[in-house]
Amino acid sequence: MSSKDIILFSTADWNTPYWTNKQHTAKHLAKMDYRVLYIETVGLRAPKLHSGRDLGRLWRRLKLGLKGPRKVENRIWVLAPLLIPIKHHWPVIRWLNKKLLSLFIQLFMKKNEFSAPIIWTYHPFMLGAIQGIKHSKVVYHCVDDLSAVPGVDIEAYKNEEKYLLKQCDIVFTTSDVLTEQCKQLNDNVYFLPNVVDYEHFSSARNVDVLPKDLSCIPEPRIGYIGVLSDFKVDFDLIYAVATERKDWHWVLIGEEREGQSSDKVRRLGLLPNVHFLGHKSYDKLPQYLSGMAVATLPTLINKYTASMFPMKYFEYLAAGVPVVSTPLNFTKQYTKGMLVSPNSMSFIAAISQQVLRGNLDCKESLEYVGDNTWPARLSKMLELI
């Protein structure tokens, strides 16, 4: 593989408050001397024109799109696709959007002398945009079953994904469920779970002074970090545990997902031992994890989460914090440093056990994380490509 240029089609904007494996992949590829054009999400669901959040996002996207690709870090450019945001089901709108995106990509490639780039995509709605663009390999990095996201046109997504799977050169998946789905249409599929920036999260061990908004919360602190999404997080489970064990203090770091306003979140906010600290920047997360007795994955079990391999699992372990999770599929293979519980009473027992066992030492963290780090994983992926 000779090309050192990559066009990465993401499902997340570069500056989203919660970084995903897409941004991390781009950043670490750049560290490995690849040049990356990071193309922000084309929008998996139609925007709601009566929603202030959606309209605000469309306006921001329009302003960024008109500016063209912007350089955000060494060897990384970000393109906000300038697309027609409505009537996606009209063939003429789909055609126009693909042509617009293809034009911006070709202009960027010519200006920056991108040569036969690798196409690295996290979604299938990019096939039309790369037609006519000279490229090398097409890589599908399948990390979620996005057809199960509320508001997504399931039939349209599945049809496009079938086309992508039949045409791409290699597929990487992060769960057994996704692996089996993709293997039905592509023979070159590799299961590689999510990974962690070990150096970053292991710095939790070196924190001397906790953040003020955390240190004032009594111990033991039971933590969760991530989007407070009503189709991912089991708020009823948290409520049941928090009301049964009032001596434990839940610390929830994150905000509700875009467009959500959940009564269950508001109900949790009324409990004196549940503390919402809001969004915290990625660089500060180790400081907050250093003050947790137990970190949790209180995830709902549904069609979307069935294919999840949460990045948080290895992040918690790298920080030295023992984990308690609901029985997601990935827990059938990965249990190190973690207890798995299907209901509130067993979740309470598991948290009690993890509080008593205490934090993981360096040796345990290294053993449990293993080679599931960004440098090791991307080296493996590039070798396979």
Protein backbone atom coordinates (compact mmCIF):
# COMPACT_ATOMS: atom_id res chain seq x y z
CA MET A 1 0.00 0.00 0.00
CA SER A 2 1.74 3.15 -1.23
CA SER A 3 -0.83 5.91 -0.66
CA LYS A 4 -0.32 8.03 2.45
CA ASP A 5 -3.51 10.02 1.80
CA ILE A 6 -6.89 9.14 3.32
CA ILE A 7 -10.40 10.49 2.80
CA LEU A 8 -12.37 9.62 5.92
CA PHE A 9 -16.18 9.79 5.85
CA SER A 10 -17.40 10.23 9.42
CA THR A 11 -20.75 10.11 11.20
CA ALA A 12 -19.59 12.76 13.69
CA ASP A 13 -18.60 16.40 13.30
CA TRP A 14 -15.00 17.16 14.21
CA ASN A 15 -15.87 19.55 17.04
CA THR A 16 -18.67 17.51 18.57
CA PRO A 17 -18.45 17.61 22.41
CA TYR A 18 -18.02 13.83 22.58
CA TRP A 19 -15.15 12.49 20.53
CA THR A 20 -15.72 9.10 18.95
CA ASN A 21 -13.45 6.55 17.31
CA LYS A 22 -13.75 8.58 14.07
CA GLN A 23 -11.86 11.62 15.35
CA HIS A 24 -9.36 9.44 17.22
CA THR A 25 -8.72 7.39 14.08
CA ALA A 26 -8.02 10.53 12.05
CA LYS A 27 -5.76 11.98 14.72
CA HIS A 28 -3.69 8.84 15.16
CA LEU A 29 -3.42 8.24 11.42
CA ALA A 30 -1.97 11.75 11.14
CA LYS A 31 0.56 10.85 13.83
CA MET A 32 1.56 7.95 11.59
CA ASP A 33 2.33 10.43 8.77
CA TYR A 34 -0.90 10.00 6.83
CA ARG A 35 -2.71 13.03 5.46
CA VAL A 36 -6.42 12.91 6.27
CA LEU A 37 -9.41 14.74 4.78
CA TYR A 38 -12.05 14.27 7.47
CA ILE A 39 -15.55 14.66 6.02
CA GLU A 40 -18.12 15.42 8.67
CA THR A 41 -21.47 13.65 8.85
CA VAL A 42 -23.76 13.97 5.86
CA GLY A 43 -26.72 13.58 8.23
CA LEU A 44 -28.24 10.18 8.85
CA ARG A 45 -31.69 11.52 9.69
CA ALA A 46 -33.70 14.30 8.12
CA PRO A 47 -33.54 17.53 10.18
CA LYS A 48 -36.67 18.74 11.96
CA LEU A 49 -37.30 22.24 10.69
CA HIS A 50 -39.32 23.10 13.81
CA SER A 51 -36.38 22.19 16.02
CA GLY A 52 -34.22 25.11 17.14
CA ARG A 53 -31.24 22.78 17.60
CA ASP A 54 -31.57 21.32 14.09
CA LEU A 55 -31.97 24.75 12.50
CA GLY A 56 -28.97 26.07 14.42
CA ARG A 57 -26.89 23.13 13.29
CA LEU A 58 -27.96 23.65 9.66
CA TRP A 59 -26.93 27.29 9.86
CA ARG A 60 -23.52 26.41 11.33
CA ARG A 61 -23.04 23.73 8.67
CA LEU A 62 -23.90 26.23 5.91
CA LYS A 63 -21.33 28.74 7.14
CA LEU A 64 -18.62 26.09 7.48
CA GLY A 65 -19.52 24.45 4.18
CA LEU A 66 -19.17 27.71 2.27
CA LYS A 67 -15.66 28.13 3.64
CA GLY A 68 -14.53 24.79 2.27
CA PRO A 69 -12.04 22.42 3.96
CA ARG A 70 -10.27 23.85 7.00
CA LYS A 71 -7.00 22.65 8.49
CA VAL A 72 -7.57 21.69 12.14
CA GLU A 73 -4.31 19.92 13.00
CA ASN A 74 -1.09 18.96 11.31
CA ARG A 75 -1.97 16.71 8.36
CA ILE A 76 -5.75 16.86 9.08
CA TRP A 77 -8.31 18.89 7.13
CA VAL A 78 -12.04 18.92 7.90
CA LEU A 79 -14.79 19.36 5.31
CA ALA A 80 -18.35 20.21 6.36
CA PRO A 81 -20.43 18.88 3.42
CA LEU A 82 -22.49 21.60 1.77
CA LEU A 83 -25.68 19.63 1.13
CA ILE A 84 -29.37 20.22 0.54
CA PRO A 85 -30.73 19.21 3.98
CA ILE A 86 -34.32 18.28 3.08
CA LYS A 87 -36.20 15.82 0.85
CA HIS A 88 -33.39 13.24 0.97
CA HIS A 89 -35.79 10.66 -0.47
CA TRP A 90 -36.07 12.60 -3.76
CA PRO A 91 -33.65 11.07 -6.30
CA VAL A 92 -32.76 14.51 -7.70
CA ILE A 93 -31.80 15.78 -4.22
CA ARG A 94 -29.62 12.72 -3.57
CA TRP A 95 -27.96 13.20 -6.97
CA LEU A 96 -27.29 16.89 -6.36
CA ASN A 97 -25.85 16.24 -2.90
CA LYS A 98 -23.48 13.56 -4.20
CA LYS A 99 -22.33 15.85 -7.01
CA LEU A 100 -21.75 18.74 -4.59
CA LEU A 101 -19.71 16.61 -2.21
CA SER A 102 -17.73 15.03 -5.04
CA LEU A 103 -16.90 18.48 -6.43
CA PHE A 104 -15.57 19.73 -3.08
CA ILE A 105 -13.47 16.58 -2.65
CA GLN A 106 -11.98 16.84 -6.14
CA LEU A 107 -11.12 20.52 -5.68
CA PHE A 108 -9.43 19.72 -2.37
CA MET A 109 -7.48 16.82 -3.85
CA LYS A 110 -6.23 18.95 -6.72
CA LYS A 111 -5.19 21.82 -4.45
CA ASN A 112 -3.40 19.57 -1.93
CA GLU A 113 -2.11 16.98 -4.41
CA PHE A 114 -3.88 14.04 -2.79
CA SER A 115 -2.88 10.96 -4.76
CA ALA A 116 -5.07 7.84 -5.04
CA PRO A 117 -6.31 8.17 -1.44
CA ILE A 118 -7.64 5.34 0.68
CA ILE A 119 -11.39 5.77 1.21
CA TRP A 120 -12.10 5.07 4.90
CA THR A 121 -15.80 5.30 5.71
CA TYR A 122 -18.06 4.84 8.72
CA HIS A 123 -21.30 4.96 6.72
CA PRO A 124 -22.55 3.98 3.25
CA PHE A 125 -23.89 7.33 2.03
CA MET A 126 -20.66 8.22 0.23
CA LEU A 127 -20.59 5.85 -2.72
CA GLY A 128 -21.93 8.38 -5.22
CA ALA A 129 -19.48 11.02 -4.01
CA ILE A 130 -16.39 8.90 -4.78
CA GLN A 131 -17.46 7.92 -8.31
CA GLY A 132 -15.00 9.44 -10.73
CA ILE A 133 -12.43 10.02 -7.98
CA LYS A 134 -9.24 8.01 -8.44
CA HIS A 135 -8.66 6.13 -5.19
CA SER A 136 -6.98 2.98 -3.93
CA LYS A 137 -8.69 0.82 -1.30
CA VAL A 138 -12.19 1.29 0.09
CA VAL A 139 -12.35 0.52 3.82
CA TYR A 140 -15.63 0.17 5.71
CA HIS A 141 -15.10 0.66 9.44
CA CYS A 142 -18.42 -0.59 10.82
CA VAL A 143 -18.65 0.41 14.48
CA ASP A 144 -22.44 0.67 15.01
CA ASP A 145 -25.71 -0.55 13.53
CA LEU A 146 -26.71 2.95 12.47
CA SER A 147 -29.97 1.74 10.95
CA ALA A 148 -31.21 1.35 14.54
CA VAL A 149 -30.69 5.03 15.42
CA PRO A 150 -34.07 6.76 15.96
CA GLY A 151 -35.08 8.83 12.93
CA VAL A 152 -32.91 6.97 10.40
CA ASP A 153 -34.60 5.63 7.25
CA ILE A 154 -33.93 1.94 7.90
CA GLU A 155 -34.66 0.67 4.39
CA ALA A 156 -32.55 3.35 2.69
CA TYR A 157 -29.65 2.77 5.06
CA LYS A 158 -29.70 -1.01 4.68
CA ASN A 159 -29.85 -0.76 0.88
CA GLU A 160 -26.87 1.61 0.73
CA GLU A 161 -24.93 -0.54 3.19
CA LYS A 162 -25.47 -3.60 0.98
CA TYR A 163 -23.98 -1.73 -1.99
CA LEU A 164 -21.01 -0.64 0.12
CA LEU A 165 -20.34 -4.14 1.47
CA LYS A 166 -20.38 -5.59 -2.06
CA GLN A 167 -17.94 -2.98 -3.35
CA CYS A 168 -15.49 -2.30 -0.53
CA ASP A 169 -12.12 -4.02 -0.27
CA ILE A 170 -12.04 -4.68 3.45
CA VAL A 171 -14.36 -4.37 6.46
CA PHE A 172 -13.46 -3.80 10.11
CA THR A 173 -16.11 -4.36 12.78
CA THR A 174 -16.19 -3.74 16.52
CA SER A 175 -18.61 -6.47 17.58
CA ASP A 176 -19.52 -10.07 16.78
CA VAL A 177 -23.03 -8.99 15.76
CA LEU A 178 -21.69 -6.56 13.15
CA THR A 179 -19.15 -9.14 11.99
CA GLU A 180 -21.83 -11.72 11.23
CA GLN A 181 -23.99 -9.14 9.46
CA CYS A 182 -21.16 -7.91 7.24
CA LYS A 183 -19.87 -11.40 6.41
CA GLN A 184 -23.12 -12.14 4.61
CA LEU A 185 -22.05 -9.76 1.83
CA ASN A 186 -18.25 -9.51 2.11
CA ASP A 187 -15.65 -12.21 2.71
CA ASN A 188 -12.91 -9.85 3.89
CA VAL A 189 -14.24 -8.92 7.35
CA TYR A 190 -12.13 -8.54 10.49
CA PHE A 191 -13.38 -8.17 14.05
CA LEU A 192 -11.26 -5.60 15.90
CA PRO A 193 -12.80 -4.15 19.08
CA ASN A 194 -12.66 -0.52 20.11
CA VAL A 195 -9.51 0.77 21.75
CA VAL A 196 -8.18 3.37 24.19
CA ASP A 197 -5.62 6.16 24.38
CA TYR A 198 -3.89 4.39 27.26
CA GLU A 199 -1.37 7.12 28.00
CA HIS A 200 -4.12 9.72 28.29
CA PHE A 201 -6.49 7.79 30.58
CA SER A 202 -3.80 6.18 32.72
CA SER A 203 -2.84 9.71 33.78
CA ALA A 204 -5.81 9.45 36.16
CA ARG A 205 -3.39 7.77 38.58
CA ASN A 206 -1.31 10.95 38.76
CA VAL A 207 -4.08 13.34 39.77
CA ASP A 208 -3.31 14.98 43.13
CA VAL A 209 -6.26 17.38 43.40
CA LEU A 210 -9.74 16.47 42.19
CA PRO A 211 -11.85 18.98 40.25
CA LYS A 212 -13.86 21.17 42.65
CA ASP A 213 -17.25 20.06 41.36
CA LEU A 214 -16.26 16.43 42.02
CA SER A 215 -14.40 16.73 45.31
CA CYS A 216 -17.47 18.19 47.04
CA ILE A 217 -19.48 15.02 46.28
CA PRO A 218 -19.32 12.38 49.05
CA GLU A 219 -17.72 8.99 48.45
CA PRO A 220 -18.13 6.36 47.20
CA ARG A 221 -18.75 7.91 43.78
CA ILE A 222 -20.33 5.76 41.06
CA GLY A 223 -19.55 7.18 37.64
CA TYR A 224 -20.87 7.24 34.12
CA ILE A 225 -19.30 9.27 31.30
CA GLY A 226 -21.01 9.78 27.95
CA VAL A 227 -24.03 11.10 26.13
CA LEU A 228 -27.18 10.82 28.25
CA SER A 229 -29.10 9.18 25.43
CA ASP A 230 -32.58 7.82 26.11
CA PHE A 231 -32.10 4.97 23.63
CA LYS A 232 -28.73 3.94 25.10
CA VAL A 233 -28.72 4.62 28.85
CA ASP A 234 -30.95 2.70 31.28
CA PHE A 235 -32.10 5.63 33.44
CA ASP A 236 -34.62 3.41 35.23
CA LEU A 237 -31.78 1.16 36.37
CA ILE A 238 -29.78 4.11 37.71
CA TYR A 239 -32.89 5.42 39.48
CA ALA A 240 -33.56 2.03 41.11
CA VAL A 241 -29.96 1.68 42.33
CA ALA A 242 -29.76 5.29 43.54
CA THR A 243 -32.98 5.06 45.54
CA GLU A 244 -32.00 1.73 47.08
CA ARG A 245 -28.46 2.79 48.03
CA LYS A 246 -28.70 6.41 49.12
CA ASP A 247 -25.16 6.26 50.54
CA TRP A 248 -23.72 5.93 47.03
CA HIS A 249 -23.39 9.09 44.94
CA TRP A 250 -23.86 8.82 41.21
CA VAL A 251 -21.77 11.19 39.09
CA LEU A 252 -23.07 11.56 35.53
CA ILE A 253 -20.72 13.39 33.17
CA GLY A 254 -22.38 14.29 29.90
CA GLU A 255 -25.45 15.95 28.45
CA GLU A 256 -28.61 14.77 26.77
CA ARG A 257 -28.30 13.90 23.11
CA GLU A 258 -29.23 16.47 20.50
CA GLY A 259 -32.99 17.04 20.35
CA GLN A 260 -33.73 15.04 23.52
CA SER A 261 -35.59 16.18 26.64
CA SER A 262 -36.17 13.15 28.85
CA ASP A 263 -38.53 13.01 31.82
CA LYS A 264 -36.39 10.16 33.18
CA VAL A 265 -33.33 12.41 33.28
CA ARG A 266 -35.31 15.11 35.08
CA ARG A 267 -36.59 12.53 37.58
CA LEU A 268 -33.03 11.45 38.31
CA GLY A 269 -32.05 15.06 38.84
CA LEU A 270 -34.42 15.27 41.81
CA LEU A 271 -32.45 12.67 43.78
CA PRO A 272 -29.95 14.14 46.26
CA ASN A 273 -27.37 11.43 45.51
CA VAL A 274 -27.39 11.86 41.73
CA HIS A 275 -25.13 14.62 40.42
CA PHE A 276 -25.13 15.90 36.84
CA LEU A 277 -21.80 17.60 36.13
CA GLY A 278 -22.48 18.30 32.44
CA HIS A 279 -20.06 17.86 29.58
CA LYS A 280 -16.34 17.78 30.34
CA SER A 281 -13.65 18.12 27.70
CA TYR A 282 -11.76 15.00 26.68
CA ASP A 283 -8.52 16.21 28.24
CA LYS A 284 -10.18 16.53 31.66
CA LEU A 285 -11.83 13.10 31.79
CA PRO A 286 -8.90 11.37 33.57
CA GLN A 287 -9.16 13.94 36.39
CA TYR A 288 -12.79 12.97 36.95
CA LEU A 289 -12.21 9.23 36.64
CA SER A 290 -9.52 9.49 39.31
CA GLY A 291 -12.25 10.27 41.82
CA MET A 292 -14.55 7.36 40.94
CA ALA A 293 -14.82 4.20 43.01
CA VAL A 294 -16.70 2.35 40.25
CA ALA A 295 -17.42 3.23 36.61
CA THR A 296 -20.56 1.93 34.96
CA LEU A 297 -22.02 0.93 31.61
CA PRO A 298 -25.74 1.06 32.52
CA THR A 299 -26.79 0.40 28.94
CA LEU A 300 -30.24 -0.48 27.66
CA ILE A 301 -30.41 -3.76 25.76
CA ASN A 302 -31.98 -3.09 22.36
CA LYS A 303 -31.33 -3.39 18.61
CA TYR A 304 -28.87 -0.50 18.57
CA THR A 305 -26.86 -1.45 21.65
CA ALA A 306 -26.71 -5.12 20.62
CA SER A 307 -23.83 -4.22 18.32
CA MET A 308 -22.02 -1.85 20.69
CA PHE A 309 -18.49 -2.22 21.97
CA PRO A 310 -18.22 0.88 24.20
CA MET A 311 -14.91 2.76 24.04
CA LYS A 312 -15.59 3.59 27.69
CA TYR A 313 -14.81 0.04 28.78
CA PHE A 314 -11.08 0.26 28.04
CA GLU A 315 -10.99 3.94 29.05
CA TYR A 316 -12.31 3.05 32.50
CA LEU A 317 -9.80 0.21 32.83
CA ALA A 318 -6.88 2.37 31.70
CA ALA A 319 -7.83 4.88 34.42
CA GLY A 320 -7.74 2.07 36.98
CA VAL A 321 -11.47 2.12 37.75
CA PRO A 322 -13.34 -1.21 38.07
CA VAL A 323 -16.45 -1.53 35.90
CA VAL A 324 -20.03 -2.75 36.25
CA SER A 325 -22.11 -3.26 33.08
CA THR A 326 -25.45 -4.52 31.90
CA PRO A 327 -25.16 -7.68 29.73
CA LEU A 328 -24.19 -6.19 26.37
CA ASN A 329 -23.04 -8.72 23.79
CA PHE A 330 -19.39 -7.70 24.10
CA THR A 331 -19.41 -8.79 27.77
CA LYS A 332 -19.64 -12.41 26.64
CA GLN A 333 -15.99 -12.16 25.54
CA TYR A 334 -14.61 -9.30 27.62
CA THR A 335 -14.97 -9.48 31.39
CA LYS A 336 -11.59 -8.41 32.78
CA GLY A 337 -11.99 -5.79 35.48
CA MET A 338 -15.75 -5.88 34.99
CA LEU A 339 -18.81 -7.46 36.60
CA VAL A 340 -21.97 -7.95 34.53
CA SER A 341 -25.46 -7.62 35.99
CA PRO A 342 -28.89 -7.84 34.31
CA ASN A 343 -31.09 -6.10 36.90
CA SER A 344 -31.01 -3.51 39.67
CA MET A 345 -30.49 -5.87 42.61
CA SER A 346 -27.57 -7.71 41.01
CA PHE A 347 -26.22 -4.35 39.80
CA ILE A 348 -26.17 -3.21 43.43
CA ALA A 349 -24.36 -6.39 44.49
CA ALA A 350 -21.81 -5.94 41.69
CA ILE A 351 -21.12 -2.31 42.60
CA SER A 352 -20.68 -3.32 46.24
CA GLN A 353 -18.16 -5.95 45.22
CA GLN A 354 -16.22 -3.52 43.02
CA VAL A 355 -16.17 -0.83 45.72
CA LEU A 356 -14.64 -3.36 48.10
CA ARG A 357 -12.02 -4.57 45.61
CA GLY A 358 -10.76 -1.01 45.01
CA ASN A 359 -9.00 0.51 42.03
CA LEU A 360 -6.94 -1.51 39.56
CA ASP A 361 -3.19 -1.24 39.87
CA CYS A 362 -0.96 -0.43 36.87
CA LYS A 363 -0.16 -4.06 36.20
CA GLU A 364 -3.84 -5.03 36.12
CA SER A 365 -4.76 -2.13 33.82
CA LEU A 366 -2.00 -2.97 31.35
CA GLU A 367 -2.97 -6.64 31.36
CA TYR A 368 -6.69 -5.94 30.90
CA VAL A 369 -6.23 -3.37 28.13
CA GLY A 370 -3.61 -5.49 26.34
CA ASP A 371 -2.96 -4.43 22.74
CA ASN A 372 -6.27 -2.57 22.50
CA THR A 373 -4.53 0.78 22.05
CA TRP A 374 -4.63 3.18 19.10
CA PRO A 375 -1.06 2.65 17.84
CA ALA A 376 -1.34 -1.16 17.97
CA ARG A 377 -4.81 -1.26 16.44
CA LEU A 378 -4.15 1.11 13.53
CA SER A 379 -0.86 -0.61 12.73
CA LYS A 380 -2.78 -3.88 12.49
CA MET A 381 -5.51 -2.34 10.33
CA LEU A 382 -3.05 -0.70 7.94
CA GLU A 383 -1.16 -3.99 7.66
CA LEU A 384 -4.40 -5.77 6.71
CA ILE A 385 -5.34 -3.04 4.23
